[in-house]
Amino acid sequence: MAGSLNKVQLIGRLGADPEIKQMVNGKSVARLSIATSQSWKDKSSGERKEKTEWHRVVIFNEGLVNVVQQYVKKGANVYVEGQLSTRKWKDEATGQDKYSTEIVLQGYNSSLTMLDSRSNNGNSNLVTENKSSLPNDNLNQDSSDLDDEIPF
């Protein structure tokens, strides 16, 4: 189908330590349980209400699995970007069809960013990664010098 898009972006906290398992082909897979919350003020009572949603995240990307295994723990604040996928299987005990909807991270169209800082200073890794590293003297470079470098 032309013009379709399957993309999920979440920022939330892990409800448990990641679960790392080996697949039959020898590669590792990571499973995460991420909580997202929304809060609002009840119009009738005036009290603050909150609703938490739990999301299953499955990571097949080997590099991300290694990062998750080494650095991500219960309570970590993370940003994930992947695709929504629904699996179907038969329950051995009842014979009924079961379904599970998950956010799948695999290939180049997925990412995971740890938002907690490694030190306890409160800065997030996401912010420090976006800082410019250009020295001030490069900012004053004459723009005519740049035209000679363009190959087209």
N, C-alpha and C. Protein backbone atom coordinates (compact mmCIF):
# COMPACT_ATOMS: atom_id res chain seq x y z
N MET A 1 0.85 -1.16 0.00
CA MET A 1 0.00 0.00 0.00
C MET A 1 0.90 1.23 0.00
N ALA A 2 0.74 2.05 -1.00
CA ALA A 2 1.54 3.28 -1.10
C ALA A 2 1.05 4.29 -0.08
N GLY A 3 2.00 5.02 0.48
CA GLY A 3 1.65 6.09 1.40
C GLY A 3 1.32 5.64 2.81
N SER A 4 1.70 4.43 3.20
CA SER A 4 1.40 3.99 4.56
C SER A 4 2.63 4.20 5.44
N LEU A 5 2.40 4.30 6.74
CA LEU A 5 3.47 4.51 7.69
C LEU A 5 3.17 3.75 8.96
N ASN A 6 4.15 3.02 9.47
CA ASN A 6 4.03 2.30 10.73
C ASN A 6 5.21 2.72 11.59
N LYS A 7 4.99 3.72 12.45
CA LYS A 7 6.07 4.26 13.26
C LYS A 7 5.52 4.60 14.65
N VAL A 8 6.25 4.16 15.68
CA VAL A 8 5.86 4.42 17.06
C VAL A 8 7.02 5.11 17.76
N GLN A 9 6.71 6.16 18.51
CA GLN A 9 7.71 6.86 19.31
C GLN A 9 7.19 6.93 20.73
N LEU A 10 8.01 6.49 21.68
CA LEU A 10 7.62 6.51 23.09
C LEU A 10 8.74 7.08 23.94
N ILE A 11 8.35 7.81 24.97
CA ILE A 11 9.27 8.18 26.04
C ILE A 11 8.62 7.69 27.32
N GLY A 12 9.34 6.84 28.04
CA GLY A 12 8.78 6.28 29.26
C GLY A 12 9.85 5.63 30.12
N ARG A 13 9.39 5.01 31.20
CA ARG A 13 10.29 4.35 32.15
C ARG A 13 10.09 2.85 32.10
N LEU A 14 11.20 2.12 32.28
CA LEU A 14 11.14 0.66 32.33
C LEU A 14 10.52 0.22 33.65
N GLY A 15 9.57 -0.70 33.56
CA GLY A 15 8.91 -1.23 34.75
C GLY A 15 9.64 -2.41 35.36
N ALA A 16 10.59 -2.96 34.63
CA ALA A 16 11.38 -4.10 35.10
C ALA A 16 12.71 -4.10 34.36
N ASP A 17 13.67 -4.86 34.87
CA ASP A 17 14.93 -5.01 34.14
C ASP A 17 14.65 -5.66 32.79
N PRO A 18 15.43 -5.31 31.76
CA PRO A 18 15.24 -5.93 30.44
C PRO A 18 15.43 -7.44 30.51
N GLU A 19 14.70 -8.13 29.69
CA GLU A 19 14.81 -9.59 29.58
C GLU A 19 15.57 -9.89 28.29
N ILE A 20 16.71 -10.54 28.39
CA ILE A 20 17.54 -10.87 27.22
C ILE A 20 17.46 -12.39 27.02
N LYS A 21 17.13 -12.79 25.80
CA LYS A 21 17.04 -14.23 25.48
C LYS A 21 17.78 -14.52 24.18
N GLN A 22 18.21 -15.76 24.04
CA GLN A 22 18.84 -16.24 22.81
C GLN A 22 17.77 -16.85 21.93
N MET A 23 17.78 -16.50 20.65
CA MET A 23 16.86 -17.12 19.69
C MET A 23 17.49 -18.39 19.15
N VAL A 24 16.73 -19.16 18.41
CA VAL A 24 17.20 -20.42 17.84
C VAL A 24 18.39 -20.19 16.92
N ASN A 25 18.41 -19.06 16.21
CA ASN A 25 19.51 -18.77 15.28
C ASN A 25 20.77 -18.26 15.97
N GLY A 26 20.75 -18.17 17.32
CA GLY A 26 21.92 -17.75 18.08
C GLY A 26 21.98 -16.27 18.38
N LYS A 27 21.14 -15.47 17.75
CA LYS A 27 21.13 -14.03 18.01
C LYS A 27 20.33 -13.74 19.27
N SER A 28 20.61 -12.58 19.87
CA SER A 28 19.92 -12.20 21.10
C SER A 28 18.74 -11.28 20.79
N VAL A 29 17.76 -11.33 21.66
CA VAL A 29 16.59 -10.45 21.58
C VAL A 29 16.36 -9.88 22.98
N ALA A 30 15.97 -8.61 23.04
CA ALA A 30 15.68 -7.97 24.32
C ALA A 30 14.19 -7.62 24.38
N ARG A 31 13.60 -7.81 25.54
CA ARG A 31 12.20 -7.46 25.76
C ARG A 31 12.15 -6.44 26.89
N LEU A 32 11.43 -5.35 26.65
CA LEU A 32 11.28 -4.28 27.63
C LEU A 32 9.80 -4.05 27.91
N SER A 33 9.52 -3.60 29.11
CA SER A 33 8.17 -3.17 29.47
C SER A 33 8.28 -1.70 29.86
N ILE A 34 7.69 -0.83 29.03
CA ILE A 34 7.83 0.62 29.21
C ILE A 34 6.48 1.22 29.59
N ALA A 35 6.49 2.06 30.63
CA ALA A 35 5.29 2.75 31.09
C ALA A 35 5.30 4.20 30.60
N THR A 36 4.16 4.62 30.05
CA THR A 36 3.95 6.03 29.74
C THR A 36 2.73 6.47 30.53
N SER A 37 2.71 7.73 30.94
CA SER A 37 1.60 8.23 31.76
C SER A 37 1.08 9.54 31.23
N GLN A 38 -0.20 9.75 31.47
CA GLN A 38 -0.79 11.07 31.21
C GLN A 38 -1.58 11.46 32.45
N SER A 39 -1.57 12.73 32.74
CA SER A 39 -2.30 13.19 33.93
C SER A 39 -3.20 14.36 33.55
N TRP A 40 -4.26 14.51 34.31
CA TRP A 40 -5.23 15.57 34.07
C TRP A 40 -5.93 15.91 35.38
N LYS A 41 -6.63 17.04 35.36
CA LYS A 41 -7.39 17.47 36.52
C LYS A 41 -8.86 17.14 36.26
N ASP A 42 -9.46 16.35 37.15
CA ASP A 42 -10.86 15.97 37.02
C ASP A 42 -11.74 17.23 37.16
N LYS A 43 -12.63 17.46 36.18
CA LYS A 43 -13.45 18.68 36.18
C LYS A 43 -14.45 18.71 37.32
N SER A 44 -15.00 17.56 37.66
CA SER A 44 -16.03 17.55 38.70
C SER A 44 -15.46 17.61 40.11
N SER A 45 -14.40 16.87 40.38
CA SER A 45 -13.85 16.83 41.74
C SER A 45 -12.66 17.77 41.94
N GLY A 46 -12.02 18.17 40.85
CA GLY A 46 -10.84 19.03 40.95
C GLY A 46 -9.56 18.29 41.32
N GLU A 47 -9.66 16.98 41.54
CA GLU A 47 -8.46 16.23 41.93
C GLU A 47 -7.65 15.81 40.70
N ARG A 48 -6.36 15.61 40.93
CA ARG A 48 -5.43 15.21 39.89
C ARG A 48 -5.58 13.71 39.63
N LYS A 49 -5.71 13.32 38.37
CA LYS A 49 -5.83 11.91 37.98
C LYS A 49 -4.68 11.56 37.05
N GLU A 50 -4.34 10.27 37.03
CA GLU A 50 -3.25 9.81 36.18
C GLU A 50 -3.61 8.44 35.61
N LYS A 51 -3.24 8.24 34.34
CA LYS A 51 -3.46 6.94 33.70
C LYS A 51 -2.13 6.48 33.11
N THR A 52 -1.75 5.25 33.43
CA THR A 52 -0.49 4.68 32.94
C THR A 52 -0.79 3.60 31.92
N GLU A 53 -0.09 3.65 30.81
CA GLU A 53 -0.18 2.62 29.77
C GLU A 53 1.13 1.85 29.77
N TRP A 54 1.06 0.52 29.61
CA TRP A 54 2.24 -0.33 29.54
C TRP A 54 2.43 -0.80 28.12
N HIS A 55 3.66 -0.72 27.63
CA HIS A 55 3.98 -1.06 26.25
C HIS A 55 5.06 -2.15 26.23
N ARG A 56 4.84 -3.16 25.41
CA ARG A 56 5.84 -4.22 25.22
C ARG A 56 6.74 -3.79 24.08
N VAL A 57 8.04 -3.82 24.33
CA VAL A 57 9.02 -3.46 23.31
C VAL A 57 9.95 -4.65 23.10
N VAL A 58 10.14 -5.03 21.82
CA VAL A 58 11.01 -6.14 21.48
C VAL A 58 12.11 -5.61 20.57
N ILE A 59 13.37 -5.89 20.94
CA ILE A 59 14.51 -5.37 20.20
C ILE A 59 15.27 -6.53 19.56
N PHE A 60 15.35 -6.51 18.22
CA PHE A 60 16.09 -7.52 17.48
C PHE A 60 17.44 -7.00 16.99
N ASN A 61 17.62 -5.69 16.98
CA ASN A 61 18.85 -5.07 16.52
C ASN A 61 19.98 -5.43 17.49
N GLU A 62 21.01 -6.16 17.01
CA GLU A 62 22.08 -6.68 17.87
C GLU A 62 22.79 -5.58 18.66
N GLY A 63 23.09 -4.46 18.01
CA GLY A 63 23.77 -3.36 18.70
C GLY A 63 22.93 -2.81 19.84
N LEU A 64 21.64 -2.62 19.60
CA LEU A 64 20.76 -2.11 20.64
C LEU A 64 20.59 -3.12 21.77
N VAL A 65 20.53 -4.40 21.44
CA VAL A 65 20.42 -5.44 22.47
C VAL A 65 21.63 -5.38 23.40
N ASN A 66 22.82 -5.20 22.83
CA ASN A 66 24.04 -5.10 23.65
C ASN A 66 24.00 -3.89 24.58
N VAL A 67 23.55 -2.74 24.06
CA VAL A 67 23.44 -1.53 24.87
C VAL A 67 22.44 -1.75 26.00
N VAL A 68 21.30 -2.32 25.67
CA VAL A 68 20.26 -2.57 26.67
C VAL A 68 20.78 -3.49 27.76
N GLN A 69 21.47 -4.55 27.35
CA GLN A 69 21.99 -5.53 28.29
C GLN A 69 22.99 -4.90 29.26
N GLN A 70 23.82 -4.00 28.78
CA GLN A 70 24.87 -3.41 29.62
C GLN A 70 24.40 -2.21 30.44
N TYR A 71 23.53 -1.37 29.90
CA TYR A 71 23.29 -0.08 30.52
C TYR A 71 21.86 0.21 30.99
N VAL A 72 20.86 -0.52 30.50
CA VAL A 72 19.48 -0.18 30.81
C VAL A 72 18.95 -1.07 31.93
N LYS A 73 18.39 -0.45 32.94
CA LYS A 73 17.85 -1.17 34.11
C LYS A 73 16.45 -0.65 34.44
N LYS A 74 15.78 -1.35 35.33
CA LYS A 74 14.45 -0.96 35.80
C LYS A 74 14.48 0.51 36.25
N GLY A 75 13.46 1.26 35.84
CA GLY A 75 13.35 2.67 36.22
C GLY A 75 14.00 3.62 35.24
N ALA A 76 14.79 3.11 34.29
CA ALA A 76 15.48 3.97 33.33
C ALA A 76 14.47 4.70 32.45
N ASN A 77 14.77 5.95 32.15
CA ASN A 77 13.94 6.76 31.26
C ASN A 77 14.52 6.62 29.85
N VAL A 78 13.72 6.15 28.89
CA VAL A 78 14.21 5.90 27.53
C VAL A 78 13.26 6.45 26.48
N TYR A 79 13.85 6.72 25.32
CA TYR A 79 13.09 7.06 24.12
C TYR A 79 13.28 5.89 23.16
N VAL A 80 12.18 5.34 22.65
CA VAL A 80 12.27 4.27 21.66
C VAL A 80 11.48 4.66 20.43
N GLU A 81 11.98 4.21 19.29
CA GLU A 81 11.31 4.45 18.02
C GLU A 81 11.34 3.15 17.23
N GLY A 82 10.17 2.66 16.86
CA GLY A 82 10.09 1.40 16.13
C GLY A 82 8.78 1.26 15.40
N GLN A 83 8.39 0.02 15.14
CA GLN A 83 7.16 -0.27 14.40
C GLN A 83 6.22 -1.10 15.25
N LEU A 84 4.93 -0.88 15.07
CA LEU A 84 3.92 -1.65 15.76
C LEU A 84 3.72 -2.98 15.04
N SER A 85 3.68 -4.06 15.81
CA SER A 85 3.51 -5.39 15.24
C SER A 85 2.65 -6.24 16.16
N THR A 86 1.75 -7.03 15.59
CA THR A 86 0.90 -7.92 16.37
C THR A 86 1.24 -9.37 16.02
N ARG A 87 1.57 -10.14 17.06
CA ARG A 87 1.87 -11.57 16.90
C ARG A 87 0.64 -12.38 17.27
N LYS A 88 0.53 -13.54 16.65
CA LYS A 88 -0.57 -14.47 16.96
C LYS A 88 0.05 -15.84 17.23
N TRP A 89 -0.44 -16.51 18.27
CA TRP A 89 0.01 -17.87 18.57
C TRP A 89 -1.13 -18.62 19.25
N LYS A 90 -0.98 -19.94 19.32
CA LYS A 90 -1.98 -20.78 19.98
C LYS A 90 -1.53 -21.12 21.38
N ASP A 91 -2.42 -20.93 22.34
CA ASP A 91 -2.15 -21.30 23.73
C ASP A 91 -2.21 -22.82 23.81
N GLU A 92 -1.10 -23.43 24.24
CA GLU A 92 -1.01 -24.89 24.31
C GLU A 92 -2.05 -25.49 25.25
N ALA A 93 -2.32 -24.82 26.36
CA ALA A 93 -3.24 -25.36 27.37
C ALA A 93 -4.69 -25.30 26.92
N THR A 94 -5.12 -24.17 26.33
CA THR A 94 -6.53 -24.00 25.99
C THR A 94 -6.84 -24.20 24.53
N GLY A 95 -5.81 -24.12 23.68
CA GLY A 95 -6.02 -24.24 22.24
C GLY A 95 -6.56 -22.96 21.61
N GLN A 96 -6.70 -21.89 22.40
CA GLN A 96 -7.22 -20.62 21.89
C GLN A 96 -6.12 -19.80 21.25
N ASP A 97 -6.52 -18.98 20.26
CA ASP A 97 -5.59 -18.04 19.66
C ASP A 97 -5.32 -16.90 20.63
N LYS A 98 -4.06 -16.53 20.76
CA LYS A 98 -3.64 -15.42 21.60
C LYS A 98 -2.95 -14.39 20.73
N TYR A 99 -3.05 -13.11 21.14
CA TYR A 99 -2.45 -12.02 20.39
C TYR A 99 -1.62 -11.14 21.32
N SER A 100 -0.56 -10.57 20.78
CA SER A 100 0.27 -9.64 21.52
C SER A 100 0.70 -8.53 20.57
N THR A 101 0.42 -7.28 20.95
CA THR A 101 0.85 -6.14 20.15
C THR A 101 2.09 -5.55 20.80
N GLU A 102 3.14 -5.36 19.99
CA GLU A 102 4.44 -4.93 20.50
C GLU A 102 5.03 -3.84 19.60
N ILE A 103 5.93 -3.07 20.18
CA ILE A 103 6.74 -2.14 19.41
C ILE A 103 8.03 -2.88 19.10
N VAL A 104 8.34 -3.05 17.82
CA VAL A 104 9.50 -3.83 17.40
C VAL A 104 10.59 -2.89 16.91
N LEU A 105 11.80 -3.09 17.44
CA LEU A 105 12.97 -2.33 17.01
C LEU A 105 13.90 -3.28 16.29
N GLN A 106 14.04 -3.08 14.98
CA GLN A 106 14.98 -3.87 14.20
C GLN A 106 15.33 -3.08 12.95
N GLY A 107 16.52 -3.31 12.45
CA GLY A 107 16.96 -2.62 11.24
C GLY A 107 17.30 -1.16 11.49
N TYR A 108 17.35 -0.40 10.41
CA TYR A 108 17.79 0.99 10.47
C TYR A 108 16.68 1.97 10.83
N ASN A 109 15.44 1.53 10.80
CA ASN A 109 14.33 2.43 11.06
C ASN A 109 13.92 2.44 12.53
N SER A 110 14.82 2.06 13.42
CA SER A 110 14.48 2.02 14.84
C SER A 110 15.63 2.62 15.65
N SER A 111 15.29 3.08 16.86
CA SER A 111 16.33 3.63 17.72
C SER A 111 15.91 3.53 19.18
N LEU A 112 16.91 3.61 20.04
CA LEU A 112 16.72 3.65 21.47
C LEU A 112 17.70 4.67 22.02
N THR A 113 17.20 5.61 22.82
CA THR A 113 18.06 6.62 23.44
C THR A 113 17.82 6.60 24.94
N MET A 114 18.90 6.49 25.69
CA MET A 114 18.80 6.56 27.15
C MET A 114 18.73 8.02 27.54
N LEU A 115 17.69 8.41 28.25
CA LEU A 115 17.48 9.82 28.61
C LEU A 115 18.04 10.16 29.97
N ASP A 116 18.32 9.17 30.79
CA ASP A 116 18.91 9.42 32.10
C ASP A 116 20.39 9.71 31.93
N SER A 117 20.93 10.56 32.78
CA SER A 117 22.36 10.83 32.72
C SER A 117 23.11 9.73 33.46
N ARG A 118 24.36 9.53 33.12
CA ARG A 118 25.17 8.52 33.80
C ARG A 118 25.57 9.00 35.18
N SER A 119 25.76 10.31 35.30
CA SER A 119 26.03 10.85 36.62
C SER A 119 24.71 11.38 37.17
N ASN A 120 24.68 11.76 38.41
CA ASN A 120 23.44 12.21 39.02
C ASN A 120 23.27 13.72 38.97
N ASN A 121 23.77 14.37 37.93
CA ASN A 121 23.65 15.81 37.86
C ASN A 121 22.37 16.28 37.19
N GLY A 122 21.53 15.36 36.74
CA GLY A 122 20.23 15.72 36.21
C GLY A 122 20.22 16.04 34.73
N ASN A 123 21.36 16.14 34.06
CA ASN A 123 21.37 16.39 32.63
C ASN A 123 21.12 15.10 31.89
N SER A 124 20.36 15.18 30.79
CA SER A 124 20.09 13.95 30.04
C SER A 124 21.13 13.78 28.94
N ASN A 125 21.39 12.54 28.57
CA ASN A 125 22.31 12.25 27.48
C ASN A 125 21.81 12.85 26.18
N LEU A 126 20.49 12.90 26.00
CA LEU A 126 19.91 13.42 24.78
C LEU A 126 20.32 14.87 24.58
N VAL A 127 20.30 15.66 25.63
CA VAL A 127 20.65 17.07 25.53
C VAL A 127 22.14 17.23 25.23
N THR A 128 22.99 16.47 25.91
CA THR A 128 24.42 16.64 25.71
C THR A 128 24.85 16.17 24.32
N GLU A 129 24.13 15.24 23.71
CA GLU A 129 24.48 14.78 22.37
C GLU A 129 24.18 15.84 21.33
N ASN A 130 23.24 16.75 21.60
CA ASN A 130 22.84 17.74 20.62
C ASN A 130 23.61 19.05 20.70
N LYS A 131 24.58 19.15 21.59
CA LYS A 131 25.37 20.37 21.69
C LYS A 131 26.31 20.49 20.51
N SER A 132 26.51 21.70 20.05
CA SER A 132 27.42 21.96 18.93
C SER A 132 28.86 21.80 19.38
N SER A 133 29.69 21.23 18.51
CA SER A 133 31.10 21.06 18.85
C SER A 133 32.00 21.91 17.96
N LEU A 134 31.41 22.90 17.25
CA LEU A 134 32.20 23.74 16.37
C LEU A 134 32.94 24.80 17.18
N PRO A 135 34.24 24.99 16.92
CA PRO A 135 34.95 26.07 17.59
C PRO A 135 34.45 27.42 17.07
N ASN A 136 34.56 28.45 17.88
CA ASN A 136 34.06 29.77 17.52
C ASN A 136 34.74 30.33 16.28
N ASP A 137 36.04 30.03 16.05
CA ASP A 137 36.72 30.62 14.90
C ASP A 137 36.17 30.07 13.58
N ASN A 138 35.60 28.87 13.55
CA ASN A 138 35.00 28.34 12.32
C ASN A 138 33.70 29.04 11.96
N LEU A 139 33.05 29.64 12.93
CA LEU A 139 31.78 30.31 12.67
C LEU A 139 31.98 31.59 11.88
N ASN A 140 33.18 32.19 11.92
CA ASN A 140 33.45 33.44 11.22
C ASN A 140 34.09 33.22 9.86
N GLN A 141 34.11 32.00 9.37
CA GLN A 141 34.74 31.68 8.08
C GLN A 141 33.98 32.38 6.96
N ASP A 142 34.70 32.88 5.97
CA ASP A 142 34.09 33.55 4.84
C ASP A 142 33.30 32.54 4.01
N SER A 143 32.05 32.86 3.69
CA SER A 143 31.19 31.91 2.97
C SER A 143 31.66 31.69 1.54
N SER A 144 32.43 32.62 0.95
CA SER A 144 32.93 32.43 -0.41
C SER A 144 33.93 31.29 -0.48
N ASP A 145 34.65 31.03 0.62
CA ASP A 145 35.59 29.89 0.67
C ASP A 145 34.87 28.58 0.57
N LEU A 146 33.64 28.51 1.05
CA LEU A 146 32.89 27.27 1.03
C LEU A 146 32.43 26.91 -0.37
N ASP A 147 32.19 27.89 -1.24
CA ASP A 147 31.72 27.62 -2.59
C ASP A 147 32.70 26.80 -3.41
N ASP A 148 33.99 26.97 -3.14
CA ASP A 148 35.02 26.24 -3.89
C ASP A 148 35.03 24.75 -3.54
N GLU A 149 34.46 24.38 -2.40
CA GLU A 149 34.50 22.99 -1.93
C GLU A 149 33.32 22.16 -2.46
N ILE A 150 32.30 22.78 -3.02
CA ILE A 150 31.09 22.06 -3.46
C ILE A 150 31.39 21.34 -4.77
N PRO A 151 31.17 20.02 -4.84
CA PRO A 151 31.56 19.25 -6.03
C PRO A 151 30.58 19.31 -7.19
N PHE A 152 29.52 20.10 -7.14
CA PHE A 152 28.57 20.15 -8.25
C PHE A 152 28.28 21.55 -8.68
